[in-house]
């Protein structure tokens, strides 16, 4: 008898002299913990996330900052090719634009990412993604938004959050310093101070990466178009250059 996950329930009947005993074996593509009823592979994925590099996001009153460590595992690796902060879900955003004539809200894109990750927990032949994501964006409906997506496909909206090996200490640090009126500039400084709490080695513009999402003004929304033929608003996300990061570290 097939189940929804593509596995099968197999009833194994013992020999006649053990007719009073029956056993039920559940064979599914994923490994379940018999006692706790948990998806063991998701537990392993979360454990992998907890060993990753520390990353954090802070929602400010006028934007969002994403900051992360950017270290290579070998001196032979070309650091210029390492990218920890990037634009995601561009294909989904274009598809949404073709249908509705506007870019999708951040929550909609986050739901699509979460759906892809959740499907990997219930499909045969695949394992859950061993990553968590911090997704930041701005849209006209909700303003700046920060979400965290976990390997299980679940996601939450946060004012500030951290993932990686130092996430517990980072969240504790953020809880003490965060307030709803924090500006984007102060959020950048807070992000750097939070990373420094558990940073191994020297923090430089080469070993961290910062991205910011700004909130456009009404004038910018009206005047800041990319080409009159498209009518698409300018992107509100950008990564800070190494020179900008160096200046913030010097303060």
C-alpha atoms as a PDB file:
ATOM      1  CA  UNK A   1       0.000   0.000   0.000  1.00  0.00           C
ATOM      2  CA  UNK A   2       1.676   3.231  -1.139  1.00  0.00           C
ATOM      3  CA  UNK A   3       1.784   6.323   1.066  1.00  0.00           C
ATOM      4  CA  UNK A   4       1.847   9.984   0.095  1.00  0.00           C
ATOM      5  CA  UNK A   5       5.641  10.157   0.338  1.00  0.00           C
ATOM      6  CA  UNK A   6       6.235   7.487  -2.266  1.00  0.00           C
ATOM      7  CA  UNK A   7       7.146   4.797   0.250  1.00  0.00           C
ATOM      8  CA  UNK A   8       5.094   1.752   1.172  1.00  0.00           C
ATOM      9  CA  UNK A   9       3.522   0.225   4.238  1.00  0.00           C
ATOM     10  CA  UNK A  10       4.549  -3.425   4.423  1.00  0.00           C
ATOM     11  CA  UNK A  11       2.814  -5.775   6.800  1.00  0.00           C
ATOM     12  CA  UNK A  12       5.088  -8.647   7.816  1.00  0.00           C
ATOM     13  CA  UNK A  13       3.250 -11.627   9.208  1.00  0.00           C
ATOM     14  CA  UNK A  14       5.230 -14.143  11.271  1.00  0.00           C
ATOM     15  CA  UNK A  15       4.990 -17.897  10.981  1.00  0.00           C
ATOM     16  CA  UNK A  16       2.011 -19.821  12.331  1.00  0.00           C
ATOM     17  CA  UNK A  17       3.642 -20.640  15.652  1.00  0.00           C
ATOM     18  CA  UNK A  18       3.935 -16.897  16.354  1.00  0.00           C
ATOM     19  CA  UNK A  19       0.464 -16.010  15.133  1.00  0.00           C
ATOM     20  CA  UNK A  20      -0.197 -13.885  18.209  1.00  0.00           C
ATOM     21  CA  UNK A  21       2.535 -11.403  17.246  1.00  0.00           C
ATOM     22  CA  UNK A  22       2.372  -8.899  14.420  1.00  0.00           C
ATOM     23  CA  UNK A  23       4.888  -6.347  13.251  1.00  0.00           C
ATOM     24  CA  UNK A  24       4.379  -3.219  11.173  1.00  0.00           C
ATOM     25  CA  UNK A  25       7.279  -1.925   9.120  1.00  0.00           C
ATOM     26  CA  UNK A  26       7.084   1.537   7.588  1.00  0.00           C
ATOM     27  CA  UNK A  27       9.419   1.983   4.637  1.00  0.00           C
ATOM     28  CA  UNK A  28       9.633   5.568   3.402  1.00  0.00           C
ATOM     29  CA  UNK A  29      12.228   7.587   1.487  1.00  0.00           C
ATOM     30  CA  UNK A  30      13.109   9.468   4.668  1.00  0.00           C
ATOM     31  CA  UNK A  31      14.463   8.183   7.939  1.00  0.00           C
ATOM     32  CA  UNK A  32      12.115   8.706  10.855  1.00  0.00           C
ATOM     33  CA  UNK A  33      12.943   8.479  14.540  1.00  0.00           C
ATOM     34  CA  UNK A  34      10.653   5.753  15.864  1.00  0.00           C
ATOM     35  CA  UNK A  35      10.548   7.130  19.386  1.00  0.00           C
ATOM     36  CA  UNK A  36      10.318  10.881  18.822  1.00  0.00           C
ATOM     37  CA  UNK A  37       8.467  10.876  15.493  1.00  0.00           C
ATOM     38  CA  UNK A  38      10.969  13.308  13.956  1.00  0.00           C
ATOM     39  CA  UNK A  39      12.536  13.502  10.530  1.00  0.00           C
ATOM     40  CA  UNK A  40      16.089  12.545  11.348  1.00  0.00           C
ATOM     41  CA  UNK A  41      17.463  13.928   8.099  1.00  0.00           C
ATOM     42  CA  UNK A  42      16.066  17.368   8.921  1.00  0.00           C
ATOM     43  CA  UNK A  43      17.753  17.149  12.313  1.00  0.00           C
ATOM     44  CA  UNK A  44      21.018  16.412  10.500  1.00  0.00           C
ATOM     45  CA  UNK A  45      20.425  19.345   8.145  1.00  0.00           C
ATOM     46  CA  UNK A  46      19.840  21.704  11.073  1.00  0.00           C
ATOM     47  CA  UNK A  47      23.022  20.403  12.695  1.00  0.00           C
ATOM     48  CA  UNK A  48      24.906  21.211   9.486  1.00  0.00           C
ATOM     49  CA  UNK A  49      23.451  24.732   9.542  1.00  0.00           C
ATOM     50  CA  UNK A  50      24.630  25.220  13.131  1.00  0.00           C
ATOM     51  CA  UNK A  51      28.187  24.478  11.995  1.00  0.00           C
ATOM     52  CA  UNK A  52      28.123  26.966   9.115  1.00  0.00           C
ATOM     53  CA  UNK A  53      29.505  30.480   8.998  1.00  0.00           C
ATOM     54  CA  UNK A  54      27.683  33.057  11.090  1.00  0.00           C
ATOM     55  CA  UNK A  55      25.213  35.237   9.187  1.00  0.00           C
ATOM     56  CA  UNK A  56      22.691  37.743  10.484  1.00  0.00           C
ATOM     57  CA  UNK A  57      20.019  40.154   9.390  1.00  0.00           C
ATOM     58  CA  UNK A  58      18.650  43.292  11.050  1.00  0.00           C
ATOM     59  CA  UNK A  59      15.484  45.124  10.048  1.00  0.00           C
ATOM     60  CA  UNK A  60      15.834  48.879  10.489  1.00  0.00           C
ATOM     61  CA  UNK A  61      13.267  51.654  10.275  1.00  0.00           C
ATOM     62  CA  UNK A  62      14.508  52.619   6.823  1.00  0.00           C
ATOM     63  CA  UNK A  63      15.916  49.368   5.443  1.00  0.00           C
ATOM     64  CA  UNK A  64      17.530  46.019   6.195  1.00  0.00           C
ATOM     65  CA  UNK A  65      21.138  44.918   6.559  1.00  0.00           C
ATOM     66  CA  UNK A  66      22.450  41.409   5.865  1.00  0.00           C
ATOM     67  CA  UNK A  67      25.966  40.583   7.104  1.00  0.00           C
ATOM     68  CA  UNK A  68      27.966  37.368   7.009  1.00  0.00           C
ATOM     69  CA  UNK A  69      31.426  35.948   7.424  1.00  0.00           C
ATOM     70  CA  UNK A  70      33.189  35.199   4.150  1.00  0.00           C
ATOM     71  CA  UNK A  71      36.090  32.883   4.797  1.00  0.00           C
ATOM     72  CA  UNK A  72      37.662  30.361   2.446  1.00  0.00           C
ATOM     73  CA  UNK A  73      38.656  26.918   3.666  1.00  0.00           C
ATOM     74  CA  UNK A  74      42.008  27.096   1.849  1.00  0.00           C
ATOM     75  CA  UNK A  75      44.463  29.821   0.875  1.00  0.00           C
ATOM     76  CA  UNK A  76      44.401  28.357  -2.640  1.00  0.00           C
ATOM     77  CA  UNK A  77      40.757  29.341  -3.175  1.00  0.00           C
ATOM     78  CA  UNK A  78      40.118  32.516  -5.154  1.00  0.00           C
ATOM     79  CA  UNK A  79      38.295  34.727  -2.622  1.00  0.00           C
ATOM     80  CA  UNK A  80      36.849  36.909  -5.361  1.00  0.00           C
ATOM     81  CA  UNK A  81      34.615  34.017  -6.444  1.00  0.00           C
ATOM     82  CA  UNK A  82      33.053  33.520  -3.002  1.00  0.00           C
ATOM     83  CA  UNK A  83      29.611  35.104  -2.760  1.00  0.00           C
ATOM     84  CA  UNK A  84      27.552  34.767   0.419  1.00  0.00           C
ATOM     85  CA  UNK A  85      25.085  37.627  -0.186  1.00  0.00           C
ATOM     86  CA  UNK A  86      23.273  37.522  -3.520  1.00  0.00           C
ATOM     87  CA  UNK A  87      20.033  38.301  -5.356  1.00  0.00           C
ATOM     88  CA  UNK A  88      17.750  35.243  -5.386  1.00  0.00           C
ATOM     89  CA  UNK A  89      14.503  34.101  -7.060  1.00  0.00           C
ATOM     90  CA  UNK A  90      14.989  36.308 -10.106  1.00  0.00           C
ATOM     91  CA  UNK A  91      13.234  33.824 -12.388  1.00  0.00           C
ATOM     92  CA  UNK A  92      10.189  33.707 -10.128  1.00  0.00           C
ATOM     93  CA  UNK A  93      10.142  37.497  -9.919  1.00  0.00           C
ATOM     94  CA  UNK A  94      10.151  37.788 -13.713  1.00  0.00           C
ATOM     95  CA  UNK A  95       7.326  35.257 -14.034  1.00  0.00           C
ATOM     96  CA  UNK A  96       5.285  37.192 -11.468  1.00  0.00           C
ATOM     97  CA  UNK A  97       5.965  40.442 -13.355  1.00  0.00           C
ATOM     98  CA  UNK A  98       4.684  38.993 -16.622  1.00  0.00           C
ATOM     99  CA  UNK A  99       1.380  38.065 -14.996  1.00  0.00           C
ATOM    100  CA  UNK A 100       0.715  40.977 -12.650  1.00  0.00           C
ATOM    101  CA  UNK A 101       2.866  43.780 -14.063  1.00  0.00           C
ATOM    102  CA  UNK A 102       4.704  44.294 -10.774  1.00  0.00           C
ATOM    103  CA  UNK A 103       7.380  42.586  -8.736  1.00  0.00           C
ATOM    104  CA  UNK A 104       6.156  40.091  -6.118  1.00  0.00           C
ATOM    105  CA  UNK A 105       6.111  40.923  -2.406  1.00  0.00           C
ATOM    106  CA  UNK A 106       9.037  39.564  -0.398  1.00  0.00           C
ATOM    107  CA  UNK A 107       6.726  37.131   1.376  1.00  0.00           C
ATOM    108  CA  UNK A 108       5.601  35.583  -1.915  1.00  0.00           C
ATOM    109  CA  UNK A 109       9.183  34.936  -3.027  1.00  0.00           C
ATOM    110  CA  UNK A 110      10.048  33.562   0.398  1.00  0.00           C
ATOM    111  CA  UNK A 111       7.092  31.166   0.175  1.00  0.00           C
ATOM    112  CA  UNK A 112       8.342  29.912  -3.190  1.00  0.00           C
ATOM    113  CA  UNK A 113      11.832  29.302  -1.806  1.00  0.00           C
ATOM    114  CA  UNK A 114      10.359  27.570   1.248  1.00  0.00           C
ATOM    115  CA  UNK A 115       8.192  25.361  -0.985  1.00  0.00           C
ATOM    116  CA  UNK A 116      11.226  24.150  -2.920  1.00  0.00           C
ATOM    117  CA  UNK A 117      13.004  23.313   0.348  1.00  0.00           C
ATOM    118  CA  UNK A 118       9.938  21.618   1.828  1.00  0.00           C
ATOM    119  CA  UNK A 119       9.493  19.370  -1.216  1.00  0.00           C
ATOM    120  CA  UNK A 120      12.989  18.025  -0.631  1.00  0.00           C
ATOM    121  CA  UNK A 121      11.828  16.653   2.739  1.00  0.00           C
ATOM    122  CA  UNK A 122       9.077  14.448   1.281  1.00  0.00           C
ATOM    123  CA  UNK A 123      10.364  13.271  -2.095  1.00  0.00           C
ATOM    124  CA  UNK A 124      12.084   9.997  -2.744  1.00  0.00           C
ATOM    125  CA  UNK A 125      15.720  10.027  -3.794  1.00  0.00           C
ATOM    126  CA  UNK A 126      16.522  13.474  -2.387  1.00  0.00           C
ATOM    127  CA  UNK A 127      17.631  14.814   0.962  1.00  0.00           C
ATOM    128  CA  UNK A 128      16.654  18.050   2.731  1.00  0.00           C
ATOM    129  CA  UNK A 129      18.719  21.111   1.893  1.00  0.00           C
ATOM    130  CA  UNK A 130      21.470  21.496   4.481  1.00  0.00           C
ATOM    131  CA  UNK A 131      21.143  25.289   4.570  1.00  0.00           C
ATOM    132  CA  UNK A 132      19.113  28.038   6.185  1.00  0.00           C
ATOM    133  CA  UNK A 133      18.505  31.323   4.401  1.00  0.00           C
ATOM    134  CA  UNK A 134      17.989  34.909   5.475  1.00  0.00           C
ATOM    135  CA  UNK A 135      15.790  36.586   2.862  1.00  0.00           C
ATOM    136  CA  UNK A 136      15.486  40.382   2.867  1.00  0.00           C
ATOM    137  CA  UNK A 137      13.517  42.630   0.566  1.00  0.00           C
ATOM    138  CA  UNK A 138      11.276  45.643   0.182  1.00  0.00           C
ATOM    139  CA  UNK A 139       7.871  45.905  -1.454  1.00  0.00           C
ATOM    140  CA  UNK A 140       5.157  48.520  -1.615  1.00  0.00           C
ATOM    141  CA  UNK A 141       2.747  46.429   0.475  1.00  0.00           C
ATOM    142  CA  UNK A 142       4.780  45.499   3.556  1.00  0.00           C
ATOM    143  CA  UNK A 143       7.842  47.706   3.293  1.00  0.00           C
ATOM    144  CA  UNK A 144      11.153  46.152   4.391  1.00  0.00           C
ATOM    145  CA  UNK A 145      10.833  42.492   5.402  1.00  0.00           C
ATOM    146  CA  UNK A 146      13.279  39.942   6.807  1.00  0.00           C
ATOM    147  CA  UNK A 147      12.571  36.207   6.744  1.00  0.00           C
ATOM    148  CA  UNK A 148      14.447  33.096   7.808  1.00  0.00           C
ATOM    149  CA  UNK A 149      13.888  29.848   5.893  1.00  0.00           C
ATOM    150  CA  UNK A 150      14.998  26.543   7.449  1.00  0.00           C
ATOM    151  CA  UNK A 151      15.727  23.138   5.813  1.00  0.00           C
ATOM    152  CA  UNK A 152      12.252  21.895   6.748  1.00  0.00           C
ATOM    153  CA  UNK A 153      10.702  24.571   4.527  1.00  0.00           C
ATOM    154  CA  UNK A 154       9.271  26.520   7.449  1.00  0.00           C
ATOM    155  CA  UNK A 155       9.852  30.260   7.525  1.00  0.00           C
ATOM    156  CA  UNK A 156       9.277  33.165   9.899  1.00  0.00           C
ATOM    157  CA  UNK A 157       9.411  36.946   9.741  1.00  0.00           C
ATOM    158  CA  UNK A 158      12.049  38.489  12.015  1.00  0.00           C
ATOM    159  CA  UNK A 159      13.117  41.903  13.218  1.00  0.00           C
ATOM    160  CA  UNK A 160      16.621  40.510  13.666  1.00  0.00           C
ATOM    161  CA  UNK A 161      17.968  36.975  13.402  1.00  0.00           C
ATOM    162  CA  UNK A 162      21.185  34.996  13.074  1.00  0.00           C
ATOM    163  CA  UNK A 163      22.165  31.596  11.691  1.00  0.00           C
ATOM    164  CA  UNK A 164      25.384  29.607  11.791  1.00  0.00           C
ATOM    165  CA  UNK A 165      27.761  28.352  14.445  1.00  0.00           C
ATOM    166  CA  UNK A 166      27.562  31.468  16.613  1.00  0.00           C
ATOM    167  CA  UNK A 167      23.830  32.069  16.226  1.00  0.00           C
ATOM    168  CA  UNK A 168      22.951  31.645  19.925  1.00  0.00           C
ATOM    169  CA  UNK A 169      25.406  34.282  21.123  1.00  0.00           C
ATOM    170  CA  UNK A 170      24.573  36.499  18.144  1.00  0.00           C
ATOM    171  CA  UNK A 171      20.837  36.430  18.907  1.00  0.00           C
ATOM    172  CA  UNK A 172      21.512  37.187  22.571  1.00  0.00           C
ATOM    173  CA  UNK A 173      23.659  40.152  21.540  1.00  0.00           C
ATOM    174  CA  UNK A 174      20.982  41.400  19.131  1.00  0.00           C
ATOM    175  CA  UNK A 175      18.244  41.116  21.756  1.00  0.00           C
ATOM    176  CA  UNK A 176      20.185  43.488  24.006  1.00  0.00           C
ATOM    177  CA  UNK A 177      20.874  46.077  21.293  1.00  0.00           C
ATOM    178  CA  UNK A 178      17.868  45.990  18.990  1.00  0.00           C
ATOM    179  CA  UNK A 179      15.076  48.547  19.049  1.00  0.00           C
ATOM    180  CA  UNK A 180      12.272  49.289  16.578  1.00  0.00           C
ATOM    181  CA  UNK A 181      13.619  52.773  15.795  1.00  0.00           C
ATOM    182  CA  UNK A 182      17.117  51.654  14.794  1.00  0.00           C
ATOM    183  CA  UNK A 183      18.356  53.338  11.612  1.00  0.00           C
ATOM    184  CA  UNK A 184      20.054  51.547   8.741  1.00  0.00           C
ATOM    185  CA  UNK A 185      23.418  53.115   9.629  1.00  0.00           C
ATOM    186  CA  UNK A 186      23.142  51.973  13.239  1.00  0.00           C
ATOM    187  CA  UNK A 187      22.006  48.538  12.056  1.00  0.00           C
ATOM    188  CA  UNK A 188      25.180  48.172   9.979  1.00  0.00           C
ATOM    189  CA  UNK A 189      27.343  49.039  12.993  1.00  0.00           C
ATOM    190  CA  UNK A 190      25.325  46.640  15.178  1.00  0.00           C
ATOM    191  CA  UNK A 191      25.757  43.876  12.601  1.00  0.00           C
ATOM    192  CA  UNK A 192      29.536  44.352  12.614  1.00  0.00           C
ATOM    193  CA  UNK A 193      29.685  44.361  16.412  1.00  0.00           C
ATOM    194  CA  UNK A 194      27.594  41.179  16.495  1.00  0.00           C
ATOM    195  CA  UNK A 195      29.898  39.397  14.046  1.00  0.00           C
ATOM    196  CA  UNK A 196      32.940  40.480  16.056  1.00  0.00           C
ATOM    197  CA  UNK A 197      31.573  38.719  19.153  1.00  0.00           C
ATOM    198  CA  UNK A 198      32.372  35.296  17.747  1.00  0.00           C
ATOM    199  CA  UNK A 199      34.720  36.109  14.881  1.00  0.00           C
ATOM    200  CA  UNK A 200      37.867  34.003  14.645  1.00  0.00           C
ATOM    201  CA  UNK A 201      40.880  35.900  13.373  1.00  0.00           C
ATOM    202  CA  UNK A 202      40.957  39.451  12.054  1.00  0.00           C
ATOM    203  CA  UNK A 203      37.823  40.986  10.598  1.00  0.00           C
ATOM    204  CA  UNK A 204      38.586  42.819   7.357  1.00  0.00           C
ATOM    205  CA  UNK A 205      36.752  43.850   4.213  1.00  0.00           C
ATOM    206  CA  UNK A 206      37.972  40.552   2.717  1.00  0.00           C
ATOM    207  CA  UNK A 207      36.467  38.319   5.403  1.00  0.00           C
ATOM    208  CA  UNK A 208      32.936  39.704   5.685  1.00  0.00           C
ATOM    209  CA  UNK A 209      30.189  40.619   3.253  1.00  0.00           C
ATOM    210  CA  UNK A 210      27.361  43.114   3.749  1.00  0.00           C
ATOM    211  CA  UNK A 211      24.219  43.751   1.764  1.00  0.00           C
ATOM    212  CA  UNK A 212      21.620  46.454   2.379  1.00  0.00           C
ATOM    213  CA  UNK A 213      18.009  46.936   1.333  1.00  0.00           C
ATOM    214  CA  UNK A 214      16.948  50.588   1.308  1.00  0.00           C
ATOM    215  CA  UNK A 215      13.471  52.088   1.383  1.00  0.00           C
ATOM    216  CA  UNK A 216      12.806  54.379  -1.608  1.00  0.00           C
ATOM    217  CA  UNK A 217      11.086  57.701  -1.122  1.00  0.00           C
ATOM    218  CA  UNK A 218       7.883  58.583  -2.930  1.00  0.00           C
ATOM    219  CA  UNK A 219       9.878  60.851  -5.232  1.00  0.00           C
ATOM    220  CA  UNK A 220      12.246  57.995  -6.057  1.00  0.00           C
ATOM    221  CA  UNK A 221       9.326  55.695  -6.790  1.00  0.00           C
ATOM    222  CA  UNK A 222       7.936  58.208  -9.258  1.00  0.00           C
ATOM    223  CA  UNK A 223      11.179  59.356 -10.855  1.00  0.00           C
ATOM    224  CA  UNK A 224      13.500  56.380 -10.429  1.00  0.00           C
ATOM    225  CA  UNK A 225      12.496  54.151 -13.302  1.00  0.00           C
ATOM    226  CA  UNK A 226      14.715  51.858 -15.366  1.00  0.00           C
ATOM    227  CA  UNK A 227      13.796  52.877 -18.885  1.00  0.00           C
ATOM    228  CA  UNK A 228      10.478  54.389 -19.795  1.00  0.00           C
ATOM    229  CA  UNK A 229       9.471  51.312 -21.782  1.00  0.00           C
ATOM    230  CA  UNK A 230       9.602  48.952 -18.788  1.00  0.00           C
ATOM    231  CA  UNK A 231       8.378  51.142 -15.963  1.00  0.00           C
ATOM    232  CA  UNK A 232      10.196  48.927 -13.467  1.00  0.00           C
ATOM    233  CA  UNK A 233      11.426  50.564 -10.261  1.00  0.00           C
ATOM    234  CA  UNK A 234      15.124  50.582  -9.524  1.00  0.00           C
ATOM    235  CA  UNK A 235      16.417  47.790  -7.260  1.00  0.00           C
ATOM    236  CA  UNK A 236      16.555  48.662  -3.569  1.00  0.00           C
ATOM    237  CA  UNK A 237      19.221  46.044  -2.770  1.00  0.00           C
ATOM    238  CA  UNK A 238      22.960  46.396  -3.161  1.00  0.00           C
ATOM    239  CA  UNK A 239      26.129  44.941  -1.709  1.00  0.00           C
ATOM    240  CA  UNK A 240      28.597  47.241  -0.018  1.00  0.00           C
ATOM    241  CA  UNK A 241      31.943  47.524  -1.738  1.00  0.00           C
ATOM    242  CA  UNK A 242      35.134  46.510   0.015  1.00  0.00           C
ATOM    243  CA  UNK A 243      36.008  50.191   0.387  1.00  0.00           C
ATOM    244  CA  UNK A 244      32.688  50.896   2.127  1.00  0.00           C
ATOM    245  CA  UNK A 245      33.118  47.913   4.444  1.00  0.00           C
ATOM    246  CA  UNK A 246      36.646  49.076   5.297  1.00  0.00           C
ATOM    247  CA  UNK A 247      35.316  52.510   6.221  1.00  0.00           C
ATOM    248  CA  UNK A 248      32.688  51.030   8.538  1.00  0.00           C
ATOM    249  CA  UNK A 249      35.286  48.827  10.227  1.00  0.00           C
ATOM    250  CA  UNK A 250      37.493  51.857  10.814  1.00  0.00           C
ATOM    251  CA  UNK A 251      34.781  53.684  12.770  1.00  0.00           C
END
